[in-house]
PDB file of N, CA and C in Angstrom:
ATOM      1  N   UNK A   1      -2.006  -2.066  -5.867  1.00  0.00           N
ATOM      2  CA  UNK A   1      -3.075  -1.514  -6.653  1.00  0.00           C
ATOM      3  C   UNK A   1      -2.745  -0.050  -6.926  1.00  0.00           C
ATOM      4  N   UNK A   2      -2.951   0.350  -8.128  1.00  0.00           N
ATOM      5  CA  UNK A   2      -2.696   1.731  -8.508  1.00  0.00           C
ATOM      6  C   UNK A   2      -3.643   2.665  -7.755  1.00  0.00           C
ATOM      7  N   UNK A   3      -3.101   3.764  -7.275  1.00  0.00           N
ATOM      8  CA  UNK A   3      -3.889   4.700  -6.467  1.00  0.00           C
ATOM      9  C   UNK A   3      -5.055   5.312  -7.263  1.00  0.00           C
ATOM     10  N   UNK A   4      -4.899   5.399  -8.579  1.00  0.00           N
ATOM     11  CA  UNK A   4      -5.996   5.937  -9.399  1.00  0.00           C
ATOM     12  C   UNK A   4      -7.167   4.969  -9.456  1.00  0.00           C
ATOM     13  N   UNK A   5      -6.873   3.673  -9.359  1.00  0.00           N
ATOM     14  CA  UNK A   5      -7.944   2.674  -9.318  1.00  0.00           C
ATOM     15  C   UNK A   5      -8.725   2.830  -8.017  1.00  0.00           C
ATOM     16  N   UNK A   6      -7.999   3.012  -6.917  1.00  0.00           N
ATOM     17  CA  UNK A   6      -8.657   3.235  -5.624  1.00  0.00           C
ATOM     18  C   UNK A   6      -9.530   4.480  -5.696  1.00  0.00           C
ATOM     19  N   UNK A   7      -9.003   5.533  -6.312  1.00  0.00           N
ATOM     20  CA  UNK A   7      -9.765   6.782  -6.453  1.00  0.00           C
ATOM     21  C   UNK A   7     -11.077   6.523  -7.192  1.00  0.00           C
ATOM     22  N   UNK A   8     -11.008   5.770  -8.264  1.00  0.00           N
ATOM     23  CA  UNK A   8     -12.218   5.498  -9.043  1.00  0.00           C
ATOM     24  C   UNK A   8     -13.198   4.614  -8.280  1.00  0.00           C
ATOM     25  N   UNK A   9     -12.690   3.584  -7.628  1.00  0.00           N
ATOM     26  CA  UNK A   9     -13.568   2.673  -6.887  1.00  0.00           C
ATOM     27  C   UNK A   9     -14.307   3.413  -5.777  1.00  0.00           C
ATOM     28  N   UNK A  10     -13.577   4.276  -5.067  1.00  0.00           N
ATOM     29  CA  UNK A  10     -14.188   5.013  -3.958  1.00  0.00           C
ATOM     30  C   UNK A  10     -14.881   6.297  -4.395  1.00  0.00           C
ATOM     31  N   UNK A  11     -14.797   6.572  -5.691  1.00  0.00           N
ATOM     32  CA  UNK A  11     -15.462   7.744  -6.295  1.00  0.00           C
ATOM     33  C   UNK A  11     -14.998   9.064  -5.695  1.00  0.00           C
ATOM     34  N   UNK A  12     -13.701   9.167  -5.444  1.00  0.00           N
ATOM     35  CA  UNK A  12     -13.151  10.437  -4.984  1.00  0.00           C
ATOM     36  C   UNK A  12     -12.881  11.311  -6.197  1.00  0.00           C
ATOM     37  N   UNK A  13     -13.140  12.602  -6.054  1.00  0.00           N
ATOM     38  CA  UNK A  13     -12.951  13.507  -7.187  1.00  0.00           C
ATOM     39  C   UNK A  13     -11.486  13.850  -7.421  1.00  0.00           C
ATOM     40  N   UNK A  14     -10.642  13.651  -6.419  1.00  0.00           N
ATOM     41  CA  UNK A  14      -9.215  13.918  -6.584  1.00  0.00           C
ATOM     42  C   UNK A  14      -8.404  12.826  -5.892  1.00  0.00           C
ATOM     43  N   UNK A  15      -7.095  12.850  -6.107  1.00  0.00           N
ATOM     44  CA  UNK A  15      -6.220  11.867  -5.484  1.00  0.00           C
ATOM     45  C   UNK A  15      -5.857  12.238  -4.044  1.00  0.00           C
ATOM     46  N   UNK A  16      -6.285  13.378  -3.570  1.00  0.00           N
ATOM     47  CA  UNK A  16      -5.882  13.849  -2.236  1.00  0.00           C
ATOM     48  C   UNK A  16      -6.258  12.860  -1.131  1.00  0.00           C
ATOM     49  N   UNK A  17      -7.461  12.344  -1.150  1.00  0.00           N
ATOM     50  CA  UNK A  17      -7.895  11.438  -0.079  1.00  0.00           C
ATOM     51  C   UNK A  17      -7.180  10.086  -0.164  1.00  0.00           C
ATOM     52  N   UNK A  18      -7.155   9.420  -1.336  1.00  0.00           N
ATOM     53  CA  UNK A  18      -6.417   8.155  -1.383  1.00  0.00           C
ATOM     54  C   UNK A  18      -4.933   8.320  -1.046  1.00  0.00           C
ATOM     55  N   UNK A  19      -4.332   9.421  -1.432  1.00  0.00           N
ATOM     56  CA  UNK A  19      -2.917   9.662  -1.125  1.00  0.00           C
ATOM     57  C   UNK A  19      -2.689   9.763   0.373  1.00  0.00           C
ATOM     58  N   UNK A  20      -3.682  10.268   1.088  1.00  0.00           N
ATOM     59  CA  UNK A  20      -3.564  10.421   2.538  1.00  0.00           C
ATOM     60  C   UNK A  20      -3.278   9.073   3.211  1.00  0.00           C
ATOM     61  N   UNK A  21      -3.816   8.000   2.635  1.00  0.00           N
ATOM     62  CA  UNK A  21      -3.675   6.688   3.248  1.00  0.00           C
ATOM     63  C   UNK A  21      -2.627   5.817   2.558  1.00  0.00           C
ATOM     64  N   UNK A  22      -2.009   6.294   1.510  1.00  0.00           N
ATOM     65  CA  UNK A  22      -1.043   5.496   0.751  1.00  0.00           C
ATOM     66  C   UNK A  22       0.187   5.158   1.585  1.00  0.00           C
ATOM     67  N   UNK A  23       0.609   6.039   2.482  1.00  0.00           N
ATOM     68  CA  UNK A  23       1.796   5.780   3.290  1.00  0.00           C
ATOM     69  C   UNK A  23       1.635   4.533   4.149  1.00  0.00           C
ATOM     70  N   UNK A  24       0.450   4.310   4.662  1.00  0.00           N
ATOM     71  CA  UNK A  24       0.205   3.123   5.491  1.00  0.00           C
ATOM     72  C   UNK A  24       0.345   1.861   4.648  1.00  0.00           C
ATOM     73  N   UNK A  25      -0.137   1.917   3.422  1.00  0.00           N
ATOM     74  CA  UNK A  25      -0.057   0.773   2.538  1.00  0.00           C
ATOM     75  C   UNK A  25       1.398   0.427   2.237  1.00  0.00           C
ATOM     76  N   UNK A  26       2.220   1.442   1.968  1.00  0.00           N
ATOM     77  CA  UNK A  26       3.628   1.203   1.687  1.00  0.00           C
ATOM     78  C   UNK A  26       4.322   0.569   2.887  1.00  0.00           C
ATOM     79  N   UNK A  27       4.019   1.058   4.081  1.00  0.00           N
ATOM     80  CA  UNK A  27       4.641   0.514   5.281  1.00  0.00           C
ATOM     81  C   UNK A  27       4.222  -0.943   5.479  1.00  0.00           C
ATOM     82  N   UNK A  28       2.956  -1.237   5.292  1.00  0.00           N
ATOM     83  CA  UNK A  28       2.492  -2.615   5.443  1.00  0.00           C
ATOM     84  C   UNK A  28       3.161  -3.528   4.419  1.00  0.00           C
ATOM     85  N   UNK A  29       3.311  -3.048   3.201  1.00  0.00           N
ATOM     86  CA  UNK A  29       3.952  -3.844   2.154  1.00  0.00           C
ATOM     87  C   UNK A  29       5.414  -4.105   2.502  1.00  0.00           C
ATOM     88  N   UNK A  30       6.090  -3.098   3.010  1.00  0.00           N
ATOM     89  CA  UNK A  30       7.491  -3.245   3.399  1.00  0.00           C
ATOM     90  C   UNK A  30       7.629  -4.262   4.526  1.00  0.00           C
ATOM     91  N   UNK A  31       6.766  -4.163   5.525  1.00  0.00           N
ATOM     92  CA  UNK A  31       6.787  -5.105   6.646  1.00  0.00           C
ATOM     93  C   UNK A  31       6.522  -6.530   6.170  1.00  0.00           C
ATOM     94  N   UNK A  32       5.564  -6.696   5.275  1.00  0.00           N
ATOM     95  CA  UNK A  32       5.234  -8.023   4.760  1.00  0.00           C
ATOM     96  C   UNK A  32       6.406  -8.595   3.970  1.00  0.00           C
ATOM     97  N   UNK A  33       7.051  -7.767   3.160  1.00  0.00           N
ATOM     98  CA  UNK A  33       8.202  -8.227   2.383  1.00  0.00           C
ATOM     99  C   UNK A  33       9.333  -8.663   3.314  1.00  0.00           C
ATOM    100  N   UNK A  34       9.531  -7.930   4.387  1.00  0.00           N
ATOM    101  CA  UNK A  34      10.575  -8.278   5.351  1.00  0.00           C
ATOM    102  C   UNK A  34      10.265  -9.621   6.015  1.00  0.00           C
ATOM    103  N   UNK A  35       9.004  -9.858   6.371  1.00  0.00           N
ATOM    104  CA  UNK A  35       8.626 -11.123   6.986  1.00  0.00           C
ATOM    105  C   UNK A  35       8.819 -12.295   6.028  1.00  0.00           C
ATOM    106  N   UNK A  36       8.473 -12.091   4.758  1.00  0.00           N
ATOM    107  CA  UNK A  36       8.655 -13.149   3.763  1.00  0.00           C
ATOM    108  C   UNK A  36      10.144 -13.438   3.591  1.00  0.00           C
ATOM    109  N   UNK A  37      10.947 -12.394   3.523  1.00  0.00           N
ATOM    110  CA  UNK A  37      12.396 -12.571   3.397  1.00  0.00           C
ATOM    111  C   UNK A  37      12.956 -13.384   4.555  1.00  0.00           C
ATOM    112  N   UNK A  38      12.539 -13.048   5.757  1.00  0.00           N
ATOM    113  CA  UNK A  38      12.991 -13.793   6.942  1.00  0.00           C
ATOM    114  C   UNK A  38      12.526 -15.249   6.915  1.00  0.00           C
ATOM    115  N   UNK A  39      11.316 -15.467   6.453  1.00  0.00           N
ATOM    116  CA  UNK A  39      10.793 -16.833   6.394  1.00  0.00           C
ATOM    117  C   UNK A  39      11.565 -17.673   5.374  1.00  0.00           C
ATOM    118  N   UNK A  40      11.976 -17.051   4.281  1.00  0.00           N
ATOM    119  CA  UNK A  40      12.684 -17.796   3.226  1.00  0.00           C
ATOM    120  C   UNK A  40      14.163 -17.975   3.515  1.00  0.00           C
ATOM    121  N   UNK A  41      14.811 -16.920   4.002  1.00  0.00           N
ATOM    122  CA  UNK A  41      16.264 -16.941   4.137  1.00  0.00           C
ATOM    123  C   UNK A  41      16.766 -16.738   5.559  1.00  0.00           C
ATOM    124  N   UNK A  42      15.868 -16.634   6.507  1.00  0.00           N
ATOM    125  CA  UNK A  42      16.262 -16.451   7.903  1.00  0.00           C
ATOM    126  C   UNK A  42      16.556 -14.997   8.229  1.00  0.00           C
ATOM    127  N   UNK A  43      16.568 -14.696   9.532  1.00  0.00           N
ATOM    128  CA  UNK A  43      16.775 -13.312   9.960  1.00  0.00           C
ATOM    129  C   UNK A  43      18.178 -12.791   9.700  1.00  0.00           C
TER     130      UNK A  43
END
């Protein structure tokens, strides 16, 4: 989801707050992609 959409949904006046939590989202996405890769093609 685009960070600007999150900003609008949560009604933040700037991107500073959503950006604060964006790093966690990227890490979770990376971990999930790695798990899917392992499930499809093995470790």
